[in-house]
Amino acid sequence: MTIIIKELVRRKLKQISYNDLLDHSHQYGFSISKEQAKQISHYLKHYNGDPFKHDDREAMFRELANITDLETARAARKLLNELIKSYGLEYLFE
């Protein structure tokens, strides 16, 4: 089951559109522009890291900070950690 969950997450990251990101940003209280959403979507489509590994995730958040700003990247990291805990998926993330 672990492999299936990880593959679903990786696919979603590769397939997320900028419209999805804009919708999620409004849903979770983020402020990103359409251009930033396009840049993030492009970055994620070409992202080859493993989001389940700490160092790769940190690199992803650093790139998010470069595209947006440090505050947005920190809020995104916090939200991800909250979602991981709320779904009981801590065991998947190194």
Protein backbone atom coordinates (compact mmCIF):
# COMPACT_ATOMS: atom_id res chain seq x y z
CA MET A 1 0.00 0.00 0.00
CA THR A 2 2.88 2.36 0.78
CA ILE A 3 4.18 2.14 -2.78
CA ILE A 4 0.74 2.96 -4.18
CA ILE A 5 0.33 6.03 -1.95
CA LYS A 6 3.79 7.30 -2.85
CA GLU A 7 3.16 6.82 -6.56
CA LEU A 8 -0.16 8.68 -6.35
CA VAL A 9 1.54 11.63 -4.63
CA ARG A 10 4.35 11.72 -7.21
CA ARG A 11 1.86 11.63 -10.09
CA LYS A 12 -0.24 14.39 -8.60
CA LEU A 13 2.82 16.60 -8.25
CA LYS A 14 3.74 16.00 -11.91
CA GLN A 15 0.20 16.60 -13.15
CA ILE A 16 -0.93 19.56 -11.06
CA SER A 17 -1.99 22.50 -13.18
CA TYR A 18 -1.55 26.15 -12.38
CA ASN A 19 -5.34 26.42 -12.02
CA ASP A 20 -5.24 23.65 -9.40
CA LEU A 21 -2.54 25.57 -7.56
CA LEU A 22 -4.53 28.79 -7.68
CA ASP A 23 -7.60 26.97 -6.35
CA HIS A 24 -5.59 25.35 -3.55
CA SER A 25 -3.93 28.66 -2.69
CA HIS A 26 -7.32 30.27 -2.13
CA GLN A 27 -8.62 27.24 -0.23
CA TYR A 28 -5.66 27.22 2.18
CA GLY A 29 -5.13 30.98 2.51
CA PHE A 30 -2.04 31.44 0.32
CA SER A 31 -1.48 34.38 -1.96
CA ILE A 32 0.20 33.50 -5.25
CA SER A 33 -0.14 35.10 -8.65
CA LYS A 34 -1.14 33.34 -11.84
CA GLU A 35 2.45 33.65 -13.09
CA GLN A 36 3.83 32.14 -9.87
CA ALA A 37 1.34 29.28 -10.12
CA LYS A 38 2.51 28.63 -13.68
CA GLN A 39 6.16 28.62 -12.57
CA ILE A 40 5.44 26.26 -9.67
CA SER A 41 3.45 23.92 -11.91
CA HIS A 42 6.30 23.89 -14.46
CA TYR A 43 8.85 23.22 -11.72
CA LEU A 44 6.82 20.31 -10.30
CA LYS A 45 6.32 18.75 -13.75
CA HIS A 46 10.11 18.57 -14.09
CA TYR A 47 10.90 17.81 -10.44
CA ASN A 48 12.97 14.64 -10.14
CA GLY A 49 13.45 14.61 -6.40
CA ASP A 50 11.68 12.36 -3.94
CA PRO A 51 9.12 14.35 -1.92
CA PHE A 52 9.23 11.67 0.76
CA LYS A 53 12.92 12.37 1.53
CA HIS A 54 13.68 15.30 3.82
CA ASP A 55 16.56 16.76 1.80
CA ASP A 56 14.63 16.58 -1.49
CA ARG A 57 11.59 18.18 0.13
CA GLU A 58 13.73 20.98 1.55
CA ALA A 59 15.18 21.63 -1.92
CA MET A 60 11.65 21.77 -3.28
CA PHE A 61 10.65 24.34 -0.64
CA ARG A 62 13.77 26.41 -1.36
CA GLU A 63 12.73 26.54 -5.02
CA LEU A 64 9.20 27.49 -3.95
CA ALA A 65 10.71 30.35 -1.93
CA ASN A 66 12.66 31.45 -5.02
CA ILE A 67 9.47 31.47 -7.10
CA THR A 68 7.27 33.10 -4.45
CA ASP A 69 8.78 34.27 -1.17
CA LEU A 70 10.09 32.80 2.07
CA GLU A 71 6.83 33.36 3.94
CA THR A 72 4.81 31.43 1.36
CA ALA A 73 7.31 28.56 1.36
CA ARG A 74 7.18 28.36 5.16
CA ALA A 75 3.38 28.36 5.13
CA ALA A 76 3.39 25.61 2.48
CA ARG A 77 5.81 23.52 4.56
CA LYS A 78 3.62 23.98 7.64
CA LEU A 79 0.49 23.02 5.71
CA LEU A 80 2.17 19.91 4.29
CA ASN A 81 3.26 18.83 7.77
CA GLU A 82 -0.26 19.36 9.10
CA LEU A 83 -1.77 17.33 6.24
CA ILE A 84 0.75 14.53 6.76
CA LYS A 85 -0.17 14.34 10.45
CA SER A 86 -3.91 14.64 9.89
CA TYR A 87 -3.86 11.67 7.50
CA GLY A 88 -1.50 9.66 9.71
CA LEU A 89 1.17 9.42 6.99
CA GLU A 90 4.22 10.36 9.05
CA TYR A 91 5.69 6.91 8.46
CA LEU A 92 6.03 7.65 4.72
CA PHE A 93 8.22 10.73 5.15
CA GLU A 94 11.90 10.56 6.09
